[in-house]
Amino acid sequence: MTDTTSRSDVPRATVSRRKRMHVSVVWVIPLLAALVALGVAVQRLLAEGPSVDIVFSNGNGIEAGKTLIKYKDVNIGQVTSVRLIDKFSRVRVTARVAKSAAGLMVEGTKFWVVAPHIGLTGVSGISTLLSGNYIGVQPGHSARAAREFVGLDEQPRITDEAGRRFRLTSATLGSLDVGSPVYYRSLRVGQIESHHLANDGQSFDIGVFIAEPYVRLIRAQTRFWNAGGIDVSIGENGVDIRTASLLALLAGGVSFDTPDFGIGSPAASEGAAFELHSNRVSAMKAPEPFSRHFVLSFNEPVRGLNVGAPVTLMGLPVGEVTRIGFTYDPKTLEVHPLVHFNFYPEEAITRFPAEQQPAVRSHTESDVQKQMVMLRKLVEERGLRAQLRTSSLLTGQRYISFEFEPRATKVRVDWSQDPLQLPVAPGQIPDMEAKLSSILAKIDSMPLAEIGQRTSSALKTLNQTLSDAGALLRHVDVSTVPELKKTLADLDKVLDGANATLVDRDAPGQQALREALAEVANAARSLRALTDYLERHPEALIRGKVTESK
């Protein structure tokens, strides 16, 4: 049987299209925020500078996220982390530096921790008392970038100031320290940067910095000396006290100057080395172009004579003592002080007038034979002798003086010796001691006991005489003085009577005197008339007076 069911009754498959997923508006805001954050992050990464690592010996107040890095007081970075390294012996500081300061991060750049510091040489880092310590920067001069550095334990005294550096050598350091000032005629022109013991262990190397424009003052012949503390020297001229300034007195310092003989020398180059003298006198002393070495053997103690003591000729300096020791004579077993000294002819020549200097120089700077001939004449004919003298009784300082003594005792000199030993004369102190001993000997030989007895007897006699004189004066006062008073009263009455008789204007004596004077005047006129008549009539002496006719 055939299925006659209608096809319309069979279900048909229908095709339905898949609907698209719609994004909700709620997600738009988070997406935009994510995009903005991503842009900010990218911009920050592009704007940030490099990250650098600095290794310090200790943290010294460095804190992550707080401590800043500054260059010329401008913030150029910040510390991001601090951690210990190398078995906890050092500290590694990581910091982020601004992109604008990335050019400072090159080889040779120095970092140090700036902290408050108060010292004799100055005050620094006071601002860190409120803001905290920060890391200072001194840029290097290299063109190669660097990201790892070793920090300094101390802040360098000189950063980028223009100037020049020099080196000084000294046997002792004294009161000098890093930061001690350098003076030129009391003007501060630089400071000490560093100091350390030399490799030989016998001296110190001192680095100094001289700022512009004072670098031009440093010449090849410039002299440096220690100006710290008080320089007290006691010599033949007395006590000399020098000090550069109050700061140098407390913290030490170095001074320099160029002597007259070195003004024309060339300018000193960077890193030039100079000797650091102990004082200005030794530093500014001119080098002697020529010197002659001699020795002196004294028969007296040389206490008070020191190395460097002056040697004078007739009171003017012509040399200095270089060494003091002993000499021994094995034949007599005698030991005497032996003094070595240098004679500087040029120093003596400059004391002569200019027109005489060539002649003197020809004798002192010619060959040795001519020098010996001249010196022999001075010793044997003029009596040139060396003598120890005292320059100051207060300090006891002594020096050697050469004087001409024509009456000096003749001595034998071995002119073939080298060095030549010159003759000496007794010094002032032994001479004074001899005179004092002679005086004491004379005093000791005097009969002091007998003199004392005679003096005592004379004093007793004098005492008795004074007693008798006192008794006589008392007797005169009691018996003689009243009579003397009465006599003086009578004399006074007599004088009053004489005054009334002779001295008063109307006194009888005065009237009689005037009448007598009038008579004398009349007699004088009569005598004059007689004289005139005899001159006219000399014959009247024989014939008598003749009556004249009318």
Protein backbone atom coordinates (compact mmCIF):
# COMPACT_ATOMS: atom_id res chain seq x y z
CA MET A 1 0.00 0.00 0.00
CA THR A 2 1.28 3.37 -1.03
CA ASP A 3 2.19 6.06 1.59
CA THR A 4 0.15 8.94 0.55
CA THR A 5 1.20 11.27 3.36
CA SER A 6 1.65 14.79 2.20
CA ARG A 7 5.21 16.24 2.08
CA SER A 8 3.98 19.21 3.76
CA ASP A 9 3.74 17.26 6.87
CA VAL A 10 7.48 16.54 6.90
CA PRO A 11 9.42 19.08 9.07
CA ARG A 12 11.98 21.15 7.23
CA ALA A 13 15.44 22.32 8.56
CA THR A 14 15.84 26.05 8.78
CA VAL A 15 19.19 27.96 8.59
CA SER A 16 19.66 30.62 11.23
CA ARG A 17 22.55 33.20 11.17
CA ARG A 18 24.82 33.62 14.23
CA LYS A 19 24.38 36.92 16.00
CA ARG A 20 27.42 39.23 16.53
CA MET A 21 28.71 39.94 20.11
CA HIS A 22 28.20 43.55 21.17
CA VAL A 23 30.74 45.30 23.52
CA SER A 24 29.25 47.03 26.43
CA VAL A 25 29.86 50.73 26.92
CA VAL A 26 30.98 49.99 30.48
CA TRP A 27 34.37 48.73 29.21
CA VAL A 28 35.29 51.90 27.34
CA ILE A 29 36.49 53.82 30.43
CA PRO A 30 38.91 51.08 31.69
CA LEU A 31 40.30 50.71 28.21
CA LEU A 32 40.97 54.43 27.93
CA ALA A 33 42.60 54.46 31.39
CA ALA A 34 44.87 51.59 30.39
CA LEU A 35 45.88 53.39 27.24
CA VAL A 36 46.68 56.57 29.19
CA ALA A 37 48.71 54.64 31.79
CA LEU A 38 50.62 52.92 29.02
CA GLY A 39 51.40 56.26 27.42
CA VAL A 40 52.53 57.75 30.72
CA ALA A 41 54.76 54.77 31.37
CA VAL A 42 56.31 54.99 27.95
CA GLN A 43 56.81 58.76 28.34
CA ARG A 44 58.36 58.26 31.77
CA LEU A 45 60.71 55.62 30.46
CA LEU A 46 61.70 57.93 27.63
CA ALA A 47 62.13 60.92 30.01
CA GLU A 48 64.11 59.12 32.75
CA GLY A 49 67.85 59.24 32.73
CA PRO A 50 70.26 56.40 33.36
CA SER A 51 70.53 54.37 36.52
CA VAL A 52 73.97 54.47 38.17
CA ASP A 53 75.60 52.47 40.94
CA ILE A 54 77.92 54.15 43.45
CA VAL A 55 79.96 52.18 45.96
CA PHE A 56 80.73 53.87 49.31
CA SER A 57 82.66 52.67 52.32
CA ASN A 58 79.62 53.44 54.53
CA GLY A 59 76.04 54.66 54.24
CA ASN A 60 76.56 57.96 56.12
CA GLY A 61 72.88 58.95 56.27
CA ILE A 62 71.88 57.76 52.74
CA GLU A 63 68.24 56.64 52.51
CA ALA A 64 66.45 55.09 49.52
CA GLY A 65 63.71 57.31 48.08
CA LYS A 66 64.88 60.31 50.10
CA THR A 67 68.54 61.13 49.54
CA LEU A 68 69.08 63.38 46.52
CA ILE A 69 71.98 63.81 44.12
CA LYS A 70 72.91 67.45 43.57
CA TYR A 71 75.20 69.31 41.22
CA LYS A 72 75.70 73.02 41.91
CA ASP A 73 72.81 72.83 44.39
CA VAL A 74 70.43 71.54 41.66
CA ASN A 75 68.67 68.17 42.08
CA ILE A 76 69.74 65.84 39.26
CA GLY A 77 68.74 62.48 40.74
CA GLN A 78 67.57 60.42 43.67
CA VAL A 79 68.69 57.27 45.44
CA THR A 80 66.46 54.30 44.69
CA SER A 81 68.10 51.55 46.72
CA VAL A 82 70.85 50.96 49.29
CA ARG A 83 72.34 47.54 50.00
CA LEU A 84 75.45 45.95 51.50
CA ILE A 85 78.00 44.16 49.29
CA ASP A 86 81.41 42.45 49.53
CA LYS A 87 80.62 40.55 52.72
CA PHE A 88 79.01 43.59 54.30
CA SER A 89 82.19 45.69 54.00
CA ARG A 90 80.84 48.29 51.55
CA VAL A 91 77.57 49.90 50.49
CA ARG A 92 76.18 49.95 46.96
CA VAL A 93 73.89 52.87 46.24
CA THR A 94 71.68 52.77 43.16
CA ALA A 95 70.31 56.08 41.95
CA ARG A 96 68.22 57.31 39.05
CA VAL A 97 69.68 60.38 37.33
CA ALA A 98 67.63 62.86 35.32
CA LYS A 99 67.95 62.61 31.58
CA SER A 100 69.13 66.22 31.42
CA ALA A 101 72.11 65.29 33.64
CA ALA A 102 73.02 62.08 31.83
CA GLY A 103 75.99 63.85 30.24
CA LEU A 104 77.61 64.18 33.69
CA MET A 105 77.78 60.41 34.14
CA VAL A 106 81.19 59.87 32.48
CA GLU A 107 84.45 58.28 33.51
CA GLY A 108 86.23 60.33 36.16
CA THR A 109 83.06 61.73 37.73
CA LYS A 110 83.35 61.88 41.51
CA PHE A 111 80.63 61.34 44.11
CA TRP A 112 80.74 62.04 47.82
CA VAL A 113 78.31 62.43 50.70
CA VAL A 114 77.76 66.03 51.82
CA ALA A 115 77.29 66.23 55.60
CA PRO A 116 77.58 69.07 58.14
CA HIS A 117 81.19 69.93 58.96
CA ILE A 118 82.57 72.51 61.36
CA GLY A 119 86.32 72.99 61.57
CA LEU A 120 89.04 75.60 61.93
CA THR A 121 89.28 75.99 58.17
CA GLY A 122 85.57 76.73 57.70
CA VAL A 123 81.98 75.53 57.95
CA SER A 124 80.26 73.48 55.22
CA GLY A 125 77.09 71.47 54.71
CA ILE A 126 75.01 73.48 57.18
CA SER A 127 71.91 73.15 54.95
CA THR A 128 71.93 69.38 55.48
CA LEU A 129 70.99 69.88 59.14
CA LEU A 130 67.38 70.35 57.97
CA SER A 131 67.20 68.56 54.62
CA GLY A 132 69.48 65.64 55.40
CA ASN A 133 72.67 64.49 53.72
CA TYR A 134 72.89 64.45 49.94
CA ILE A 135 75.34 63.17 47.33
CA GLY A 136 77.56 65.77 45.65
CA VAL A 137 78.93 65.46 42.13
CA GLN A 138 82.11 66.64 40.43
CA PRO A 139 81.97 65.89 36.67
CA GLY A 140 84.84 64.13 34.98
CA HIS A 141 86.52 65.28 31.79
CA SER A 142 86.16 62.06 29.82
CA ALA A 143 83.81 61.60 26.83
CA ARG A 144 83.07 57.94 27.65
CA ALA A 145 79.86 57.24 29.56
CA ALA A 146 79.98 55.25 32.79
CA ARG A 147 77.36 53.74 35.07
CA GLU A 148 79.44 52.41 37.97
CA PHE A 149 81.46 54.65 40.27
CA VAL A 150 83.41 54.52 43.54
CA GLY A 151 82.41 57.24 45.98
CA LEU A 152 84.90 59.37 47.93
CA ASP A 153 85.17 59.21 51.70
CA GLU A 154 85.73 62.98 51.93
CA GLN A 155 84.50 65.91 49.93
CA PRO A 156 87.18 67.28 47.58
CA ARG A 157 88.21 70.78 48.61
CA ILE A 158 88.40 72.05 45.05
CA THR A 159 85.73 71.15 42.52
CA ASP A 160 85.63 72.94 39.18
CA GLU A 161 87.40 76.18 40.17
CA ALA A 162 89.97 77.41 37.66
CA GLY A 163 93.57 77.21 38.81
CA ARG A 164 96.69 75.09 38.88
CA ARG A 165 98.04 72.39 41.17
CA PHE A 166 101.56 72.06 42.54
CA ARG A 167 103.43 69.66 44.81
CA LEU A 168 105.39 70.49 47.95
CA THR A 169 107.86 68.28 49.79
CA SER A 170 108.57 68.68 53.50
CA ALA A 171 110.39 66.72 56.18
CA THR A 172 107.52 67.31 58.61
CA LEU A 173 103.81 68.00 58.22
CA GLY A 174 103.42 70.22 61.28
CA SER A 175 99.93 71.67 61.69
CA LEU A 176 99.08 71.45 57.97
CA ASP A 177 95.94 69.61 56.96
CA VAL A 178 93.59 69.31 54.01
CA GLY A 179 91.92 72.67 53.56
CA SER A 180 94.72 74.69 55.20
CA PRO A 181 95.07 78.05 53.43
CA VAL A 182 97.85 79.14 51.09
CA TYR A 183 98.85 82.82 51.36
CA TYR A 184 100.67 85.30 49.18
CA ARG A 185 101.70 88.28 51.30
CA SER A 186 98.83 87.58 53.75
CA LEU A 187 96.28 87.24 50.90
CA ARG A 188 94.60 83.84 50.65
CA VAL A 189 95.10 82.52 47.10
CA GLY A 190 94.61 78.76 47.47
CA GLN A 191 94.56 75.81 49.82
CA ILE A 192 96.01 72.38 50.51
CA GLU A 193 94.21 69.57 48.67
CA SER A 194 96.01 66.50 49.95
CA HIS A 195 99.00 65.20 51.85
CA HIS A 196 100.56 61.77 52.32
CA LEU A 197 103.79 60.17 53.44
CA ALA A 198 106.28 59.73 50.62
CA ASN A 199 107.41 56.29 49.52
CA ASP A 200 110.78 56.69 51.25
CA GLY A 201 109.05 57.35 54.57
CA GLN A 202 111.33 60.34 55.21
CA SER A 203 109.20 63.19 53.86
CA PHE A 204 105.65 64.26 53.02
CA ASP A 205 104.14 65.06 49.64
CA ILE A 206 101.67 67.93 49.91
CA GLY A 207 99.32 68.88 47.08
CA VAL A 208 98.32 72.54 46.86
CA PHE A 209 95.85 74.32 44.61
CA ILE A 210 96.39 77.94 43.51
CA ALA A 211 93.34 79.68 42.08
CA GLU A 212 93.24 82.03 39.13
CA PRO A 213 94.43 84.74 38.65
CA TYR A 214 97.17 84.07 41.19
CA VAL A 215 98.75 81.21 39.21
CA ARG A 216 100.98 83.74 37.44
CA LEU A 217 102.67 84.48 40.76
CA ILE A 218 104.23 80.99 40.88
CA ARG A 219 107.64 81.09 39.20
CA ALA A 220 110.36 78.48 38.92
CA GLN A 221 112.27 80.23 41.74
CA THR A 222 109.24 80.78 43.98
CA ARG A 223 109.80 79.77 47.61
CA PHE A 224 107.21 78.18 49.92
CA TRP A 225 107.40 78.06 53.72
CA ASN A 226 105.24 76.85 56.60
CA ALA A 227 103.27 79.81 57.97
CA GLY A 228 101.32 77.87 60.59
CA GLY A 229 101.55 78.72 64.27
CA ILE A 230 104.04 81.27 65.58
CA ASP A 231 107.53 81.44 64.14
CA VAL A 232 109.84 82.46 66.99
CA SER A 233 113.52 82.80 66.19
CA ILE A 234 116.21 83.86 68.65
CA GLY A 235 119.44 85.03 67.06
CA GLU A 236 122.11 87.65 67.21
CA ASN A 237 119.48 90.34 66.57
CA GLY A 238 117.26 89.29 69.48
CA VAL A 239 113.82 87.65 69.42
CA ASP A 240 111.87 87.71 66.13
CA ILE A 241 108.19 86.67 66.13
CA ARG A 242 106.19 86.15 62.93
CA THR A 243 102.70 84.81 62.14
CA ALA A 244 100.65 84.98 58.93
CA SER A 245 97.11 85.34 60.31
CA LEU A 246 94.87 84.16 63.12
CA LEU A 247 93.55 81.33 60.91
CA ALA A 248 97.09 80.21 60.08
CA LEU A 249 97.95 80.45 63.77
CA LEU A 250 95.15 78.02 64.66
CA ALA A 251 94.80 75.77 61.61
CA GLY A 252 98.19 76.07 59.93
CA GLY A 253 98.97 77.39 56.48
CA VAL A 254 101.53 77.86 53.73
CA SER A 255 102.94 81.13 52.39
CA PHE A 256 104.94 81.76 49.25
CA ASP A 257 106.81 84.57 47.55
CA THR A 258 109.41 85.03 44.85
CA PRO A 259 112.75 86.55 45.94
CA ASP A 260 114.36 89.32 43.94
CA PHE A 261 116.84 86.98 42.28
CA GLY A 262 114.01 84.75 40.98
CA ILE A 263 111.58 87.33 39.58
CA GLY A 264 112.80 86.77 36.02
CA SER A 265 112.49 82.97 36.20
CA PRO A 266 109.89 81.24 33.97
CA ALA A 267 106.37 80.43 35.14
CA ALA A 268 105.94 77.10 36.97
CA SER A 269 104.11 74.36 35.09
CA GLU A 270 101.22 72.23 36.32
CA GLY A 271 102.40 69.75 38.96
CA ALA A 272 105.79 71.43 39.53
CA ALA A 273 107.50 70.41 42.77
CA PHE A 274 108.86 72.83 45.38
CA GLU A 275 110.53 72.45 48.75
CA LEU A 276 108.54 73.59 51.78
CA HIS A 277 110.88 75.50 54.12
CA SER A 278 110.33 75.84 57.84
CA ASN A 279 110.32 79.67 57.86
CA ARG A 280 110.54 82.71 55.63
CA VAL A 281 114.18 83.49 56.43
CA SER A 282 115.50 80.14 55.20
CA ALA A 283 113.11 80.14 52.25
CA MET A 284 114.06 83.58 50.91
CA LYS A 285 117.79 83.14 51.42
CA ALA A 286 119.67 83.63 48.16
CA PRO A 287 121.87 80.74 47.00
CA GLU A 288 125.57 81.49 47.17
CA PRO A 289 127.30 81.08 43.79
CA PHE A 290 130.68 80.43 45.41
CA SER A 291 131.75 79.40 48.90
CA ARG A 292 134.91 78.29 50.69
CA HIS A 293 135.00 75.80 53.54
CA PHE A 294 137.12 76.40 56.66
CA VAL A 295 137.43 74.94 60.17
CA LEU A 296 138.18 76.44 63.58
CA SER A 297 139.51 74.62 66.66
CA PHE A 298 138.65 76.39 69.93
CA ASN A 299 140.18 75.92 73.36
CA GLU A 300 136.95 76.80 75.11
CA PRO A 301 133.37 75.42 75.26
CA VAL A 302 131.16 76.36 72.32
CA ARG A 303 127.86 76.10 74.18
CA GLY A 304 125.33 78.47 72.57
CA LEU A 305 126.84 78.15 69.08
CA ASN A 306 124.43 76.38 66.72
CA VAL A 307 124.48 75.25 63.12
CA GLY A 308 123.39 78.20 61.00
CA ALA A 309 124.92 80.76 63.36
CA PRO A 310 126.38 83.71 61.45
CA VAL A 311 130.07 84.25 60.77
CA THR A 312 130.92 87.95 60.66
CA LEU A 313 133.86 90.02 59.48
CA MET A 314 134.16 93.22 61.52
CA GLY A 315 130.47 92.91 62.42
CA LEU A 316 129.08 92.16 58.93
CA PRO A 317 127.83 88.66 57.98
CA VAL A 318 130.04 86.81 55.50
CA GLY A 319 129.22 83.15 56.20
CA GLU A 320 127.52 80.63 58.47
CA VAL A 321 128.33 77.65 60.66
CA THR A 322 127.65 74.33 58.94
CA ARG A 323 128.77 71.71 61.46
CA ILE A 324 130.03 71.46 65.05
CA GLY A 325 132.05 68.51 66.34
CA PHE A 326 135.33 67.51 68.02
CA THR A 327 138.96 67.15 67.07
CA TYR A 328 141.37 64.75 68.80
CA ASP A 329 145.13 64.96 69.12
CA PRO A 330 146.53 61.44 69.76
CA LYS A 331 149.91 62.85 70.87
CA THR A 332 148.59 65.08 73.65
CA LEU A 333 145.28 63.23 74.16
CA GLU A 334 143.51 66.58 73.98
CA VAL A 335 139.97 67.03 72.67
CA HIS A 336 138.83 70.41 71.37
CA PRO A 337 135.61 71.65 69.74
CA LEU A 338 135.90 71.80 65.95
CA VAL A 339 133.62 74.21 64.07
CA HIS A 340 133.09 74.01 60.31
CA PHE A 341 131.83 77.08 58.46
CA ASN A 342 131.33 78.35 54.93
CA PHE A 343 132.68 81.70 53.79
CA TYR A 344 130.65 83.46 51.05
CA PRO A 345 132.88 85.90 49.15
CA GLU A 346 130.01 87.38 47.17
CA GLU A 347 128.22 88.38 50.35
CA ALA A 348 131.33 90.20 51.52
CA ILE A 349 132.00 91.80 48.12
CA THR A 350 128.57 93.45 48.02
CA ARG A 351 129.56 95.39 51.17
CA PHE A 352 132.26 97.30 49.24
CA PRO A 353 131.64 100.37 47.05
CA ALA A 354 130.79 99.55 43.44
CA GLU A 355 134.09 100.92 42.11
CA GLN A 356 136.07 98.66 44.50
CA GLN A 357 134.15 95.45 43.92
CA PRO A 358 136.00 94.36 40.72
CA ALA A 359 139.37 94.58 42.48
CA VAL A 360 138.12 92.68 45.53
CA ARG A 361 136.43 90.07 43.34
CA SER A 362 139.66 89.47 41.44
CA HIS A 363 141.34 88.40 44.71
CA THR A 364 138.50 86.28 46.08
CA GLU A 365 137.30 84.53 42.92
CA SER A 366 140.66 83.95 41.22
CA ASP A 367 142.69 80.76 41.46
CA VAL A 368 143.21 79.10 44.83
CA GLN A 369 146.89 80.04 45.02
CA LYS A 370 146.15 83.77 44.88
CA GLN A 371 143.41 83.32 47.48
CA MET A 372 145.84 81.61 49.83
CA VAL A 373 148.41 84.39 49.35
CA MET A 374 145.84 87.05 50.26
CA LEU A 375 144.50 85.08 53.23
CA ARG A 376 148.03 84.43 54.51
CA LYS A 377 148.79 88.15 54.49
CA LEU A 378 145.60 88.89 56.41
CA VAL A 379 146.42 86.25 59.03
CA GLU A 380 150.15 86.85 59.46
CA GLU A 381 150.47 90.59 58.78
CA ARG A 382 147.11 92.00 59.80
CA GLY A 383 146.40 89.55 62.64
CA LEU A 384 143.09 88.14 61.39
CA ARG A 385 141.64 85.95 64.15
CA ALA A 386 138.35 84.16 64.83
CA GLN A 387 136.63 84.66 68.15
CA LEU A 388 133.51 83.33 69.85
CA ARG A 389 131.16 86.12 70.86
CA THR A 390 127.80 86.30 72.59
CA SER A 391 124.99 87.94 70.63
CA SER A 392 122.49 87.96 73.50
CA LEU A 393 123.16 87.60 77.20
CA LEU A 394 119.48 86.75 77.67
CA THR A 395 119.41 83.77 75.31
CA GLY A 396 123.09 82.82 75.35
CA GLN A 397 123.22 82.67 71.55
CA ARG A 398 126.77 82.88 70.18
CA TYR A 399 128.39 83.53 66.82
CA ILE A 400 131.86 83.65 65.24
CA SER A 401 133.48 87.01 64.65
CA PHE A 402 136.63 87.66 62.59
CA GLU A 403 138.57 90.75 63.68
CA PHE A 404 141.99 92.21 62.92
CA GLU A 405 144.32 92.15 65.95
CA PRO A 406 147.76 93.51 65.01
CA ARG A 407 149.15 92.55 68.45
CA ALA A 408 147.92 88.96 68.18
CA THR A 409 150.40 86.21 69.02
CA LYS A 410 152.05 84.64 66.01
CA VAL A 411 150.78 81.15 65.25
CA ARG A 412 151.77 78.41 62.85
CA VAL A 413 149.23 77.59 60.18
CA ASP A 414 149.45 74.56 57.92
CA TRP A 415 148.46 76.19 54.63
CA SER A 416 148.39 72.83 52.88
CA GLN A 417 145.40 71.57 54.90
CA ASP A 418 142.07 71.02 53.23
CA PRO A 419 139.89 72.29 54.76
CA LEU A 420 142.16 75.01 56.08
CA GLN A 421 142.18 75.54 59.85
CA LEU A 422 142.33 79.25 60.73
CA PRO A 423 143.74 80.63 64.01
CA VAL A 424 141.47 81.69 66.84
CA ALA A 425 141.65 84.15 69.73
CA PRO A 426 140.20 83.70 73.24
CA GLY A 427 136.54 84.59 73.40
CA GLN A 428 134.88 87.17 75.54
CA ILE A 429 133.54 84.75 78.13
CA PRO A 430 136.92 83.11 78.98
CA ASP A 431 138.48 86.58 79.15
CA MET A 432 135.74 87.73 81.51
CA GLU A 433 136.17 84.57 83.57
CA ALA A 434 139.93 85.16 83.80
CA LYS A 435 139.43 88.75 84.91
CA LEU A 436 136.81 87.70 87.41
CA SER A 437 139.11 84.97 88.76
CA SER A 438 141.91 87.53 89.10
CA ILE A 439 139.65 89.89 90.99
CA LEU A 440 138.48 87.10 93.28
CA ALA A 441 142.10 86.04 93.88
CA LYS A 442 143.04 89.59 94.86
CA ILE A 443 140.05 89.80 97.16
CA ASP A 444 140.98 86.47 98.68
CA SER A 445 144.56 87.68 99.36
CA MET A 446 143.38 90.80 101.17
CA PRO A 447 143.62 90.76 105.06
CA LEU A 448 139.90 90.99 105.46
CA ALA A 449 140.00 90.10 109.18
CA GLU A 450 142.48 92.89 109.98
CA ILE A 451 140.55 95.33 107.80
CA GLY A 452 137.39 94.37 109.66
CA GLN A 453 139.00 94.99 113.04
CA ARG A 454 140.36 98.37 111.95
CA THR A 455 137.00 99.30 110.52
CA SER A 456 135.28 98.32 113.76
CA SER A 457 137.77 100.45 115.78
CA ALA A 458 137.30 103.40 113.43
CA LEU A 459 133.55 103.11 113.76
CA LYS A 460 133.83 103.13 117.56
CA THR A 461 136.02 106.27 117.44
CA LEU A 462 133.58 107.91 115.04
CA ASN A 463 130.73 107.07 117.38
CA GLN A 464 132.56 108.67 120.34
CA THR A 465 133.32 111.77 118.28
CA LEU A 466 129.70 112.13 117.32
CA SER A 467 128.69 111.75 120.97
CA ASP A 468 131.11 114.53 122.01
CA ALA A 469 129.87 116.78 119.24
CA GLY A 470 126.31 116.22 120.42
CA ALA A 471 127.22 117.20 124.00
CA LEU A 472 129.00 120.33 122.75
CA LEU A 473 125.98 121.37 120.74
CA ARG A 474 123.73 120.90 123.73
CA HIS A 475 126.06 123.10 125.87
CA VAL A 476 126.06 125.78 123.21
CA ASP A 477 122.31 125.67 123.04
CA VAL A 478 121.97 126.12 126.82
CA SER A 479 124.67 128.73 127.68
CA THR A 480 125.85 130.46 124.54
CA VAL A 481 122.65 130.97 122.60
CA PRO A 482 121.00 133.39 125.20
CA GLU A 483 124.14 135.59 125.29
CA LEU A 484 124.25 135.56 121.52
CA LYS A 485 120.62 136.66 121.38
CA LYS A 486 121.36 139.60 123.74
CA THR A 487 124.36 140.67 121.67
CA LEU A 488 122.28 140.59 118.49
CA ALA A 489 119.61 142.76 120.18
CA ASP A 490 122.27 145.37 121.17
CA LEU A 491 123.66 145.32 117.68
CA ASP A 492 120.20 145.91 116.33
CA LYS A 493 119.84 149.02 118.55
CA VAL A 494 123.19 150.37 117.35
CA LEU A 495 122.15 149.90 113.75
CA ASP A 496 118.88 151.71 114.41
CA GLY A 497 120.83 154.68 115.90
CA ALA A 498 123.22 154.77 112.98
CA ASN A 499 120.29 154.70 110.64
CA ALA A 500 118.66 157.68 112.40
CA THR A 501 121.95 159.63 112.38
CA LEU A 502 123.29 158.89 108.93
CA VAL A 503 120.75 157.33 106.68
CA ASP A 504 117.53 159.40 107.17
CA ARG A 505 117.09 162.44 104.90
CA ASP A 506 116.95 164.99 107.75
CA ALA A 507 119.61 163.28 109.87
CA PRO A 508 122.46 165.59 111.19
CA GLY A 509 125.00 163.43 109.46
CA GLN A 510 123.26 163.93 106.13
CA GLN A 511 123.28 167.79 106.56
CA ALA A 512 126.93 167.87 107.58
CA LEU A 513 127.78 165.68 104.62
CA ARG A 514 125.95 167.99 102.19
CA GLU A 515 127.81 171.07 103.61
CA ALA A 516 131.14 169.29 103.33
CA LEU A 517 130.39 168.37 99.74
CA ALA A 518 129.52 172.01 98.96
CA GLU A 519 132.86 173.17 100.44
CA VAL A 520 134.70 170.60 98.35
CA ALA A 521 132.90 171.86 95.23
CA ASN A 522 133.90 175.51 96.00
CA ALA A 523 137.50 174.46 96.57
CA ALA A 524 137.48 172.66 93.25
CA ARG A 525 136.24 175.78 91.45
CA SER A 526 138.94 177.95 93.08
CA LEU A 527 141.59 175.43 92.11
CA ARG A 528 140.35 175.41 88.51
CA ALA A 529 140.51 179.27 88.37
CA LEU A 530 144.08 179.21 89.73
CA THR A 531 145.11 176.63 87.18
CA ASP A 532 143.68 178.68 84.32
CA TYR A 533 145.48 181.85 85.55
CA LEU A 534 148.85 180.08 85.79
CA GLU A 535 148.43 178.79 82.26
CA ARG A 536 148.04 182.38 81.04
CA HIS A 537 150.65 183.93 83.39
CA PRO A 538 153.26 181.35 84.35
CA GLU A 539 155.58 184.16 85.49
CA ALA A 540 153.23 184.78 88.40
CA LEU A 541 154.93 181.94 90.26
CA ILE A 542 158.06 184.23 90.47
CA ARG A 543 156.79 187.77 90.29
CA GLY A 544 153.41 187.32 91.92
CA LYS A 545 150.08 188.39 90.69
CA VAL A 546 150.16 191.51 88.54
CA THR A 547 147.17 193.80 88.47
CA GLU A 548 145.88 194.16 84.98
CA SER A 549 145.33 197.72 83.64
CA LYS A 550 142.02 198.69 82.40
